[in-house]
N, C-alpha and C. Protein backbone atom coordinates (compact mmCIF):
# COMPACT_ATOMS: atom_id res chain seq x y z
N UNK A 1 31.40 4.40 113.13
CA UNK A 1 31.64 3.96 111.80
C UNK A 1 31.82 2.28 112.08
N UNK A 2 31.52 1.81 111.39
CA UNK A 2 31.68 0.27 111.75
C UNK A 2 33.17 -0.35 112.40
N UNK A 3 33.00 -0.99 113.03
CA UNK A 3 33.59 -1.43 114.00
C UNK A 3 34.27 -0.43 115.24
N UNK A 4 33.41 0.47 115.51
CA UNK A 4 33.80 1.75 116.33
C UNK A 4 32.77 0.95 117.82
N UNK A 5 33.14 1.11 119.07
CA UNK A 5 32.99 0.93 120.43
C UNK A 5 32.29 2.03 120.89
N UNK A 6 31.07 2.58 120.70
CA UNK A 6 30.63 3.82 121.79
C UNK A 6 29.83 3.45 123.27
N UNK A 7 29.83 3.90 123.93
CA UNK A 7 30.02 4.34 125.40
C UNK A 7 29.29 5.37 125.82
N UNK A 8 28.06 5.37 126.53
CA UNK A 8 27.52 5.92 126.79
C UNK A 8 26.23 6.06 128.24
N UNK A 9 26.08 7.28 128.99
CA UNK A 9 25.48 7.00 129.82
C UNK A 9 23.97 7.69 129.48
N UNK A 10 22.70 6.53 129.53
CA UNK A 10 21.65 6.41 129.66
C UNK A 10 20.94 7.09 130.50
N UNK A 11 20.02 8.35 130.84
CA UNK A 11 19.48 8.53 132.25
C UNK A 11 18.09 7.42 131.91
N UNK A 12 18.08 7.17 131.11
CA UNK A 12 16.48 6.49 131.38
C UNK A 12 16.52 5.13 132.31
N UNK A 13 17.93 4.53 131.97
CA UNK A 13 18.43 3.38 132.87
C UNK A 13 18.52 3.68 134.12
N UNK A 14 18.13 2.57 135.09
CA UNK A 14 18.79 2.59 136.24
C UNK A 14 20.10 2.90 136.93
N UNK A 15 20.56 3.46 137.58
CA UNK A 15 21.79 3.56 138.40
C UNK A 15 22.63 2.62 137.66
N UNK A 16 22.92 1.87 138.07
CA UNK A 16 23.81 0.81 138.24
C UNK A 16 23.39 -0.90 136.50
N UNK A 17 22.39 -0.41 135.87
CA UNK A 17 21.87 -1.17 134.57
C UNK A 17 22.91 -1.18 133.62
N UNK A 18 22.89 -1.70 132.68
CA UNK A 18 23.59 -1.83 131.31
C UNK A 18 22.63 -2.32 130.43
N UNK A 19 22.87 -2.10 129.00
CA UNK A 19 22.48 -2.79 127.66
C UNK A 19 23.37 -2.00 126.67
N UNK A 20 23.36 -3.78 126.11
CA UNK A 20 24.76 -3.29 125.12
C UNK A 20 24.14 -3.64 123.35
N UNK A 21 24.64 -3.29 122.68
CA UNK A 21 24.70 -4.15 121.65
C UNK A 21 25.13 -4.56 120.65
N UNK A 22 25.45 -5.41 119.80
CA UNK A 22 26.70 -5.55 119.03
C UNK A 22 26.06 -5.51 117.64
N UNK A 23 26.32 -4.90 116.53
CA UNK A 23 26.47 -4.77 115.24
C UNK A 23 27.14 -4.68 114.62
N UNK A 24 26.91 -3.99 113.54
CA UNK A 24 28.23 -3.02 112.49
C UNK A 24 29.11 -2.17 113.88
N UNK A 25 28.31 -1.39 114.60
CA UNK A 25 28.97 -0.81 115.92
C UNK A 25 28.73 -1.70 117.29
N UNK A 26 29.56 -1.11 118.25
CA UNK A 26 29.04 -1.92 119.31
C UNK A 26 28.66 -0.44 120.16
N UNK A 27 27.52 -1.05 120.81
CA UNK A 27 26.52 0.16 121.93
C UNK A 27 26.96 -0.18 122.88
N UNK A 28 27.41 0.68 124.01
CA UNK A 28 26.88 0.04 125.30
C UNK A 28 26.58 1.35 126.20
N UNK A 29 25.44 1.01 126.82
CA UNK A 29 24.75 1.99 127.76
C UNK A 29 24.78 1.68 128.98
N UNK A 30 24.83 2.79 129.80
CA UNK A 30 24.88 2.39 131.62
C UNK A 30 23.53 3.32 132.11
N UNK A 31 22.93 3.05 133.17
CA UNK A 31 22.75 4.21 133.66
C UNK A 31 23.66 5.41 134.22
N UNK A 32 24.71 4.97 134.86
CA UNK A 32 25.46 5.55 135.21
C UNK A 32 27.00 4.91 134.72
N UNK A 33 28.35 5.99 135.71
CA UNK A 33 29.34 5.28 135.14
C UNK A 33 29.55 4.38 135.93
N UNK A 34 29.21 3.73 136.85
CA UNK A 34 29.38 2.34 136.47
C UNK A 34 28.63 1.50 136.38
N UNK A 35 27.29 2.00 135.46
CA UNK A 35 26.80 0.92 134.83
C UNK A 35 27.45 0.34 133.03
N UNK A 36 28.13 1.93 132.82
CA UNK A 36 29.17 0.93 131.64
C UNK A 36 30.22 0.66 131.95
N UNK A 37 30.72 0.92 133.19
CA UNK A 37 32.19 0.20 133.47
C UNK A 37 31.37 -1.59 133.34
N UNK A 38 30.67 -1.94 134.18
CA UNK A 38 30.05 -3.34 134.23
C UNK A 38 29.45 -3.73 132.86
N UNK A 39 29.04 -2.82 132.13
CA UNK A 39 28.36 -3.31 131.00
C UNK A 39 29.85 -3.72 129.55
N UNK A 40 30.88 -2.98 129.83
CA UNK A 40 31.91 -2.90 129.18
C UNK A 40 33.05 -4.35 129.68
N UNK A 41 32.84 -4.95 130.79
CA UNK A 41 33.13 -6.45 131.02
C UNK A 41 32.43 -7.30 130.73
N UNK A 42 30.79 -7.27 130.70
CA UNK A 42 29.93 -8.46 130.15
C UNK A 42 30.38 -8.45 128.61
N UNK A 43 30.95 -6.66 128.11
CA UNK A 43 31.54 -6.73 126.63
C UNK A 43 32.58 -7.94 126.51
N UNK A 44 33.74 -7.80 127.20
CA UNK A 44 34.86 -8.35 127.29
C UNK A 44 34.65 -10.16 127.31
N UNK A 45 33.71 -9.75 128.16
CA UNK A 45 33.60 -11.67 128.44
C UNK A 45 33.15 -12.36 127.13
N UNK A 46 32.21 -11.55 126.49
CA UNK A 46 31.66 -11.79 125.16
C UNK A 46 32.88 -12.67 124.09
N UNK A 47 33.21 -11.89 124.20
CA UNK A 47 34.86 -12.49 123.20
C UNK A 47 35.57 -13.52 123.29
N UNK A 48 36.02 -14.02 121.72
CA UNK A 48 36.35 -15.39 122.33
C UNK A 48 37.63 -14.91 120.93
N UNK A 49 38.41 -16.28 121.10
CA UNK A 49 39.63 -16.34 120.65
C UNK A 49 39.43 -17.60 119.40
N UNK A 50 40.05 -17.34 118.29
CA UNK A 50 39.91 -18.12 117.75
C UNK A 50 40.66 -18.13 116.29
N UNK A 51 42.17 -19.57 115.85
CA UNK A 51 42.89 -19.10 114.75
C UNK A 51 43.33 -17.56 114.71
N UNK A 52 43.62 -17.28 116.10
CA UNK A 52 44.36 -15.71 116.28
C UNK A 52 43.74 -14.70 115.96
N UNK A 53 42.03 -14.89 116.33
CA UNK A 53 41.12 -13.82 115.65
C UNK A 53 40.90 -13.47 116.90
N UNK A 54 40.13 -12.00 117.33
CA UNK A 54 39.37 -11.95 118.25
C UNK A 54 38.24 -12.03 117.67
N UNK A 55 36.75 -12.50 118.00
CA UNK A 55 35.48 -12.88 117.30
C UNK A 55 34.64 -12.28 118.48
N UNK A 56 33.58 -10.97 117.99
CA UNK A 56 32.59 -11.17 118.88
C UNK A 56 31.27 -11.23 118.12
N UNK A 57 30.18 -12.30 118.54
CA UNK A 57 28.79 -12.35 118.13
C UNK A 57 28.37 -11.26 117.94
N UNK A 58 26.92 -11.64 117.04
CA UNK A 58 25.89 -10.11 117.03
C UNK A 58 25.13 -10.60 118.41
N UNK A 59 24.91 -9.45 119.08
CA UNK A 59 24.03 -10.04 120.38
C UNK A 59 23.12 -9.23 121.07
N UNK A 60 22.07 -8.86 121.93
CA UNK A 60 22.24 -7.69 122.53
C UNK A 60 21.67 -8.55 124.29
N UNK A 61 22.34 -7.67 125.16
CA UNK A 61 22.20 -7.69 126.60
C UNK A 61 21.68 -6.59 127.25
N UNK A 62 20.60 -6.98 128.10
CA UNK A 62 20.01 -5.99 129.61
C UNK A 62 20.91 -6.65 130.46
N UNK A 63 21.02 -5.88 131.45
CA UNK A 63 21.38 -6.34 133.13
C UNK A 63 21.53 -5.09 133.85
N UNK A 64 21.46 -6.09 135.19
CA UNK A 64 21.26 -5.43 136.20
C UNK A 64 21.89 -5.65 137.37
N UNK A 65 21.97 -5.32 138.41
CA UNK A 65 22.64 -6.02 139.76
C UNK A 65 21.36 -6.80 140.58
N UNK A 66 22.10 -7.63 140.80
CA UNK A 66 20.47 -8.88 141.64
C UNK A 66 20.37 -8.14 142.88
N UNK A 67 21.29 -7.32 143.37
CA UNK A 67 21.25 -6.85 144.87
C UNK A 67 21.92 -5.39 144.86
N UNK A 68 21.49 -4.65 145.48
CA UNK A 68 21.71 -3.47 145.88
C UNK A 68 23.30 -3.11 146.47
N UNK A 69 23.69 -4.19 147.26
CA UNK A 69 25.22 -4.07 147.54
C UNK A 69 25.58 -5.95 147.58
N UNK A 70 26.71 -5.43 146.99
CA UNK A 70 28.04 -6.49 146.72
C UNK A 70 29.44 -6.70 146.90
N UNK A 71 30.21 -7.08 147.74
CA UNK A 71 31.12 -6.10 148.37
C UNK A 71 32.26 -7.28 148.67
N UNK A 72 33.60 -7.37 149.12
CA UNK A 72 34.77 -8.20 149.05
C UNK A 72 35.40 -7.67 150.20
N UNK A 73 36.07 -8.25 151.09
CA UNK A 73 36.46 -7.36 152.28
C UNK A 73 37.82 -8.34 151.87
N UNK A 74 38.83 -6.69 152.27
CA UNK A 74 40.30 -7.47 152.23
C UNK A 74 40.85 -6.54 153.89
N UNK A 75 41.34 -7.60 154.93
CA UNK A 75 41.69 -7.39 155.81
C UNK A 75 43.44 -6.51 155.83
N UNK A 76 43.96 -5.90 155.97
CA UNK A 76 44.78 -4.99 155.26
C UNK A 76 45.40 -5.17 157.16
N UNK A 77 44.79 -5.03 158.21
CA UNK A 77 45.53 -4.32 159.67
C UNK A 77 45.72 -5.81 159.58
N UNK A 78 45.31 -6.77 159.81
CA UNK A 78 45.69 -8.35 159.70
C UNK A 78 47.01 -9.02 159.11
N UNK A 79 46.44 -8.75 157.82
CA UNK A 79 47.16 -9.39 156.83
C UNK A 79 48.25 -8.45 155.54
N UNK A 80 49.39 -7.64 155.75
CA UNK A 80 49.86 -7.17 154.74
C UNK A 80 49.73 -6.85 153.48
N UNK A 81 48.76 -6.82 152.60
CA UNK A 81 49.03 -6.74 151.03
C UNK A 81 49.53 -5.14 150.51
N UNK A 82 50.15 -5.68 149.81
CA UNK A 82 51.52 -4.77 148.85
C UNK A 82 50.19 -3.93 147.95
N UNK A 83 50.02 -2.95 147.61
CA UNK A 83 49.23 -1.90 146.71
C UNK A 83 49.38 -2.81 145.52
N UNK A 84 49.82 -3.03 144.57
CA UNK A 84 49.44 -3.96 143.32
C UNK A 84 48.94 -5.45 143.38
N UNK A 85 49.07 -5.76 145.27
CA UNK A 85 48.11 -6.97 145.15
C UNK A 85 46.19 -6.33 145.01
N UNK A 86 46.20 -5.30 145.79
CA UNK A 86 44.83 -4.69 146.71
C UNK A 86 44.89 -4.14 144.97
N UNK A 87 45.40 -3.39 144.12
CA UNK A 87 44.97 -3.38 142.46
C UNK A 87 44.28 -4.38 141.82
N UNK A 88 44.74 -5.51 142.00
CA UNK A 88 44.43 -7.27 141.65
C UNK A 88 43.29 -7.18 142.59
N UNK A 89 43.00 -6.70 143.17
CA UNK A 89 41.32 -7.45 143.61
C UNK A 89 40.78 -6.59 143.34
N UNK A 90 40.80 -4.96 142.84
CA UNK A 90 40.43 -3.72 142.44
C UNK A 90 39.41 -4.66 140.95
N UNK A 91 40.72 -5.35 140.21
CA UNK A 91 40.83 -6.08 138.86
C UNK A 91 39.07 -6.75 139.09
N UNK A 92 39.63 -7.71 139.96
CA UNK A 92 38.87 -9.04 140.50
C UNK A 92 37.46 -8.54 140.33
N UNK A 93 37.30 -7.64 141.48
CA UNK A 93 35.74 -6.95 141.37
C UNK A 93 34.83 -6.07 140.19
N UNK A 94 36.06 -6.10 139.52
CA UNK A 94 35.20 -5.06 138.64
C UNK A 94 35.47 -6.30 137.60
N UNK A 95 35.60 -7.54 137.20
CA UNK A 95 35.40 -8.62 136.23
C UNK A 95 34.42 -9.70 136.68
N UNK A 96 34.13 -9.31 138.35
CA UNK A 96 32.71 -10.47 138.84
C UNK A 96 31.75 -9.06 139.25
N UNK A 97 31.82 -8.09 138.85
CA UNK A 97 31.00 -6.89 138.75
C UNK A 97 30.64 -6.87 140.41
N UNK A 98 32.06 -6.76 141.20
CA UNK A 98 31.61 -6.85 142.81
C UNK A 98 32.06 -4.96 142.38
N UNK A 99 30.82 -4.48 143.48
CA UNK A 99 30.69 -2.99 143.07
C UNK A 99 31.50 -1.57 144.25
N UNK A 100 31.57 -2.87 145.31
CA UNK A 100 32.16 -2.20 146.80
C UNK A 100 33.90 -2.99 147.39
N UNK A 101 34.55 -2.42 147.58
CA UNK A 101 35.92 -3.25 147.96
C UNK A 101 35.93 -2.81 149.77
N UNK A 102 36.01 -3.51 150.53
CA UNK A 102 36.09 -3.00 151.56
C UNK A 102 37.11 -3.28 152.69
N UNK A 103 38.02 -2.25 152.55
CA UNK A 103 39.40 -2.37 153.57
C UNK A 103 39.53 -1.75 154.71
N UNK A 104 40.06 -2.90 155.59
CA UNK A 104 40.47 -2.77 156.84
C UNK A 104 41.38 -2.26 157.29
N UNK A 105 41.69 -0.57 157.58
CA UNK A 105 42.97 -0.89 158.02
C UNK A 105 43.59 -0.74 159.30
N UNK A 106 42.59 -0.58 160.11
CA UNK A 106 43.33 -1.03 161.71
C UNK A 106 42.82 -1.45 162.62
N UNK A 107 43.39 -2.78 163.08
CA UNK A 107 42.90 -3.51 164.14
C UNK A 107 44.15 -3.22 164.97
N UNK A 108 44.11 -4.33 166.04
CA UNK A 108 44.21 -4.56 167.59
C UNK A 108 45.56 -5.29 166.82
N UNK A 109 46.06 -5.51 165.80
CA UNK A 109 47.64 -5.98 165.55
C UNK A 109 48.29 -4.69 164.67
N UNK A 110 47.60 -3.71 163.89
CA UNK A 110 48.25 -2.76 163.54
C UNK A 110 47.44 -1.28 163.10
N UNK A 111 48.14 -0.33 162.59
CA UNK A 111 47.24 0.47 162.34
C UNK A 111 47.90 1.27 160.90
N UNK A 112 47.23 1.08 159.29
CA UNK A 112 47.49 1.00 158.49
C UNK A 112 47.53 2.34 157.34
N UNK A 113 47.18 3.51 158.38
CA UNK A 113 46.72 4.31 157.19
C UNK A 113 47.24 5.63 158.04
N UNK A 114 48.31 6.09 157.17
CA UNK A 114 49.14 7.69 157.31
C UNK A 114 48.28 8.83 157.66
N UNK A 115 48.03 8.81 158.85
CA UNK A 115 47.93 10.45 159.13
C UNK A 115 48.34 10.84 159.48
N UNK A 116 48.29 12.81 159.12
CA UNK A 116 48.94 13.48 159.03
C UNK A 116 48.90 13.93 160.75
N UNK A 117 47.58 13.47 160.94
CA UNK A 117 47.60 14.76 162.78
C UNK A 117 47.59 14.07 163.65
N UNK A 118 48.01 12.76 163.05
CA UNK A 118 48.21 11.56 164.72
C UNK A 118 50.20 10.51 163.58
N UNK A 119 51.07 11.03 163.67
CA UNK A 119 51.65 10.44 162.39
C UNK A 119 52.34 8.85 163.72
N UNK A 120 52.05 9.27 164.93
CA UNK A 120 51.82 8.18 165.81
C UNK A 120 51.18 7.15 165.88
N UNK A 121 50.19 7.29 165.08
CA UNK A 121 49.43 5.98 165.29
C UNK A 121 50.04 4.98 163.89
N UNK A 122 50.58 5.47 163.31
CA UNK A 122 51.26 4.40 161.67
C UNK A 122 51.85 3.38 162.16
N UNK A 123 51.48 2.18 162.53
CA UNK A 123 52.82 0.85 161.99
C UNK A 123 54.01 0.90 161.37
N UNK A 124 54.77 1.15 162.19
CA UNK A 124 55.88 0.71 161.71
C UNK A 124 56.40 -0.39 160.67
N UNK A 125 57.04 0.50 159.75
CA UNK A 125 57.09 -0.92 159.02
C UNK A 125 56.09 -0.34 157.10
N UNK A 126 55.29 -2.32 157.46
CA UNK A 126 54.52 -1.81 156.22
C UNK A 126 53.39 -1.15 156.06
N UNK A 127 53.46 0.04 155.75
CA UNK A 127 52.00 0.46 155.56
C UNK A 127 51.71 1.45 153.94
N UNK A 128 51.23 2.06 154.47
CA UNK A 128 50.56 3.44 152.84
C UNK A 128 50.58 4.52 152.97
N UNK A 129 51.18 4.95 151.76
CA UNK A 129 50.89 6.59 151.87
C UNK A 129 50.17 6.72 151.20
N UNK A 130 49.92 8.29 151.71
CA UNK A 130 48.52 8.89 151.36
C UNK A 130 48.62 9.03 149.65
N UNK A 131 50.17 8.99 148.83
CA UNK A 131 49.62 9.06 147.92
C UNK A 131 49.73 7.83 147.11
N UNK A 132 49.94 6.78 147.55
CA UNK A 132 49.25 5.37 147.20
C UNK A 132 48.16 5.13 147.20
N UNK A 133 47.68 5.85 148.18
CA UNK A 133 46.12 5.65 148.69
C UNK A 133 45.08 6.36 147.90
N UNK A 134 45.76 7.92 147.17
CA UNK A 134 44.94 8.48 146.93
C UNK A 134 45.11 7.69 145.41
N UNK A 135 46.63 7.21 144.23
CA UNK A 135 46.37 5.86 143.75
C UNK A 135 45.55 5.40 143.51
N UNK A 136 45.04 4.41 144.96
CA UNK A 136 44.51 3.43 144.64
C UNK A 136 42.67 3.84 144.29
N UNK A 137 42.63 4.60 145.21
CA UNK A 137 41.43 5.29 144.74
C UNK A 137 41.05 6.09 143.65
N UNK A 138 41.58 6.47 142.88
CA UNK A 138 41.98 6.82 141.65
C UNK A 138 41.42 5.30 140.47
N UNK A 139 41.90 4.44 140.78
CA UNK A 139 42.45 3.58 139.89
C UNK A 139 40.93 2.34 140.05
N UNK A 140 40.57 2.36 141.10
CA UNK A 140 39.64 1.86 141.66
C UNK A 140 38.30 2.22 141.22
N UNK A 141 38.06 3.81 141.20
CA UNK A 141 37.06 5.03 140.41
C UNK A 141 36.77 4.22 139.46
N UNK A 142 37.64 4.78 138.63
CA UNK A 142 38.15 4.59 137.12
C UNK A 142 37.18 3.22 136.62
N UNK A 143 37.65 2.10 137.53
CA UNK A 143 36.84 0.88 137.08
C UNK A 143 35.21 0.62 137.56
N UNK A 144 34.88 1.46 138.73
CA UNK A 144 33.73 1.17 138.75
C UNK A 144 33.41 0.15 140.18
N UNK A 145 34.60 0.65 141.11
CA UNK A 145 34.50 -0.06 142.27
C UNK A 145 34.49 0.98 143.14
N UNK A 146 33.63 1.28 144.39
CA UNK A 146 33.67 2.17 145.72
C UNK A 146 34.55 1.43 146.97
N UNK A 147 35.94 2.40 146.86
CA UNK A 147 36.64 2.14 148.15
C UNK A 147 35.79 2.34 149.72
N UNK A 148 35.07 0.96 150.61
CA UNK A 148 34.93 1.04 151.18
C UNK A 148 36.20 1.15 153.04
N UNK A 149 36.57 2.29 152.94
CA UNK A 149 37.77 2.04 154.63
C UNK A 149 37.20 1.61 155.90
N UNK A 150 37.72 1.26 155.97
CA UNK A 150 37.55 0.90 157.81
C UNK A 150 38.46 0.86 159.15
N UNK A 151 37.70 2.35 159.71
CA UNK A 151 38.73 1.80 160.94
C UNK A 151 37.45 1.73 161.94
N UNK A 152 38.29 0.17 162.91
CA UNK A 152 37.74 -0.58 163.40
C UNK A 152 37.70 0.30 165.15
N UNK A 153 36.63 0.97 165.46
CA UNK A 153 36.74 1.29 166.72
C UNK A 153 35.10 1.61 167.54
N UNK A 154 35.15 0.99 168.86
CA UNK A 154 36.29 1.15 169.85
C UNK A 154 37.31 0.26 170.37
N UNK A 155 36.63 -0.88 169.98
CA UNK A 155 37.30 -1.95 170.04
C UNK A 155 38.32 -1.88 169.36
N UNK A 156 39.32 -3.63 169.11
CA UNK A 156 40.53 -3.62 168.22
C UNK A 156 40.74 -2.78 168.58
N UNK A 157 41.43 -1.78 169.28
CA UNK A 157 42.32 -0.48 169.06
C UNK A 157 43.35 -0.59 169.90
N UNK A 158 43.33 -1.95 169.94
CA UNK A 158 45.14 -2.55 170.85
C UNK A 158 46.10 -1.56 170.05
N UNK A 159 46.11 -1.38 169.24
CA UNK A 159 47.42 -0.74 167.93
C UNK A 159 47.26 0.91 168.69
N UNK A 160 45.80 1.35 168.15
CA UNK A 160 46.05 2.53 168.05
C UNK A 160 46.42 3.06 169.98
N UNK A 161 45.72 2.45 170.78
CA UNK A 161 45.79 2.89 172.71
C UNK A 161 47.57 2.80 172.82
N UNK A 162 48.35 1.97 172.09
CA UNK A 162 49.62 1.47 172.55
C UNK A 162 50.65 2.86 172.36
N UNK A 163 49.70 3.65 170.61
CA UNK A 163 50.86 4.66 170.05
C UNK A 163 50.17 5.84 171.19
N UNK A 164 48.87 6.02 171.12
CA UNK A 164 48.51 7.14 171.93
C UNK A 164 47.46 6.59 173.06
N UNK A 165 48.49 6.29 174.46
CA UNK A 165 47.60 5.87 175.50
C UNK A 165 46.50 6.81 175.60
N UNK A 166 46.73 8.45 175.98
CA UNK A 166 45.07 8.63 176.52
C UNK A 166 43.62 8.91 175.60
N UNK A 167 44.08 8.01 173.96
CA UNK A 167 42.64 7.01 173.81
C UNK A 167 42.47 6.35 174.59
N UNK A 168 42.66 5.44 176.03
CA UNK A 168 42.66 4.49 176.57
C UNK A 168 42.37 5.15 178.16
N UNK A 169 41.94 6.06 178.48
CA UNK A 169 42.76 7.09 179.58
C UNK A 169 40.93 6.83 180.30
N UNK A 170 40.62 5.47 180.83
CA UNK A 170 39.27 5.46 181.31
C UNK A 170 39.43 5.27 182.55
N UNK A 171 38.39 5.15 183.45
CA UNK A 171 38.53 5.13 185.07
C UNK A 171 36.94 4.11 185.07
N UNK A 172 36.91 2.20 185.07
CA UNK A 172 37.94 1.76 184.40
C UNK A 172 38.65 1.86 183.59
N UNK A 173 39.75 1.23 183.75
CA UNK A 173 40.87 1.00 182.83
C UNK A 173 39.94 0.38 181.39
N UNK A 174 40.21 0.39 180.08
CA UNK A 174 38.72 -0.03 179.09
C UNK A 174 39.82 -1.38 178.15
N UNK A 175 41.12 -1.71 179.34
CA UNK A 175 41.82 -2.22 178.58
C UNK A 175 41.86 -2.47 176.65
N UNK A 176 41.97 -3.12 175.40
CA UNK A 176 41.86 -2.60 174.39
C UNK A 176 41.01 -1.62 173.14
N UNK A 177 39.83 -0.89 173.78
CA UNK A 177 39.39 -0.26 173.74
C UNK A 177 39.12 1.41 174.17
N UNK A 178 38.99 2.25 172.89
CA UNK A 178 39.10 3.22 173.20
C UNK A 178 38.15 3.66 174.48
N UNK A 179 38.76 5.11 174.81
CA UNK A 179 37.57 5.48 176.30
C UNK A 179 36.53 6.50 175.31
N UNK A 180 34.84 5.52 175.29
CA UNK A 180 34.26 6.19 175.04
C UNK A 180 33.60 7.77 176.04
N UNK A 181 33.78 8.12 177.11
CA UNK A 181 33.54 8.03 178.17
C UNK A 181 34.21 9.50 178.01
N UNK A 182 35.31 10.09 176.80
CA UNK A 182 36.22 11.67 177.10
C UNK A 182 35.66 12.00 176.14
N UNK A 183 35.40 13.80 176.19
CA UNK A 183 35.02 13.74 174.49
C UNK A 183 36.69 14.06 173.69
N UNK A 184 37.67 13.89 174.23
CA UNK A 184 38.80 14.44 173.42
C UNK A 184 39.04 13.06 172.33
N UNK A 185 38.61 11.95 172.33
CA UNK A 185 38.49 10.58 172.43
C UNK A 185 37.90 10.71 171.01
N UNK A 186 36.90 11.64 170.57
CA UNK A 186 35.61 11.63 169.87
C UNK A 186 35.87 13.00 168.62
N UNK A 187 36.91 14.23 169.79
CA UNK A 187 38.17 14.73 168.66
C UNK A 187 38.65 14.66 167.95
N UNK A 188 39.62 13.30 168.20
CA UNK A 188 40.21 12.25 167.75
C UNK A 188 39.97 12.17 166.73
N UNK A 189 39.10 10.89 166.96
CA UNK A 189 37.97 10.48 165.60
C UNK A 189 37.69 10.86 164.87
N UNK A 190 37.21 12.54 165.35
CA UNK A 190 36.82 13.59 163.81
C UNK A 190 37.58 13.79 162.82
N UNK A 191 38.68 13.70 163.62
CA UNK A 191 39.90 14.37 162.72
C UNK A 191 40.15 13.03 162.04
N UNK A 192 40.21 11.80 162.53
CA UNK A 192 40.95 11.05 161.72
C UNK A 192 40.22 10.53 160.52
N UNK A 193 38.55 10.25 161.19
CA UNK A 193 37.77 10.60 160.06
C UNK A 193 37.44 11.62 158.80
N UNK A 194 37.79 12.13 159.27
CA UNK A 194 37.86 13.52 158.42
C UNK A 194 39.48 13.37 157.01
N UNK A 195 40.06 12.47 157.53
CA UNK A 195 41.18 12.30 157.08
C UNK A 195 40.90 11.51 155.88
N UNK A 196 40.13 10.51 156.72
CA UNK A 196 40.11 8.59 155.61
C UNK A 196 39.07 9.04 154.71
N UNK A 197 38.34 10.67 154.58
CA UNK A 197 37.31 10.81 154.14
C UNK A 197 38.10 12.08 152.56
N UNK A 198 39.41 12.31 153.69
CA UNK A 198 39.72 13.57 152.52
C UNK A 198 40.68 13.05 151.23
N UNK A 199 40.97 10.94 151.51
CA UNK A 199 41.41 10.21 150.12
C UNK A 199 40.18 8.96 149.36
N UNK A 200 39.58 9.18 150.80
CA UNK A 200 38.25 8.14 149.97
C UNK A 200 36.79 8.78 149.48
N UNK A 201 36.81 9.16 148.40
CA UNK A 201 35.73 10.10 148.34
C UNK A 201 34.28 9.23 147.90
């Protein structure tokens, strides 16, 4: 009906491309979910407010990403960011059509990811819970933003090896670097990467 907004995935469009048309109804088509999400952003950007009325001109837009990868990184390991701030970054990524939000969870300064298998790794004080991270993952996915979590290894690992000295057990000693010559290091990393993947899909 006039005034309705139609959102639709169109398999005929390339993955993240989109088109929309404003006539009596507004139709937003995307090649996939992200395409539709980005199309709605361009639609929102076309609105104007005049004399307390929201207005939208009759128009047609076809668009697609200029590059395959565009992203923003937040360093959570060196600088603590509360969940609300990260969500704000997700909203800004959507508004500027930034597809990926790269979260740097672990470095020399801290280990912010809450491992169930190795709880001793978690830096005391400012850190996240698994439920917070799952909430963040859903929040980002709903807005067409993909979170890329990073666990920095084998270097930049002082926080990890301080909590789990067995990861440092090399000859000669490896300082702040995980010992890559021990099979147990890979088994530990396998478990940790699996835990990351359970949260961030």
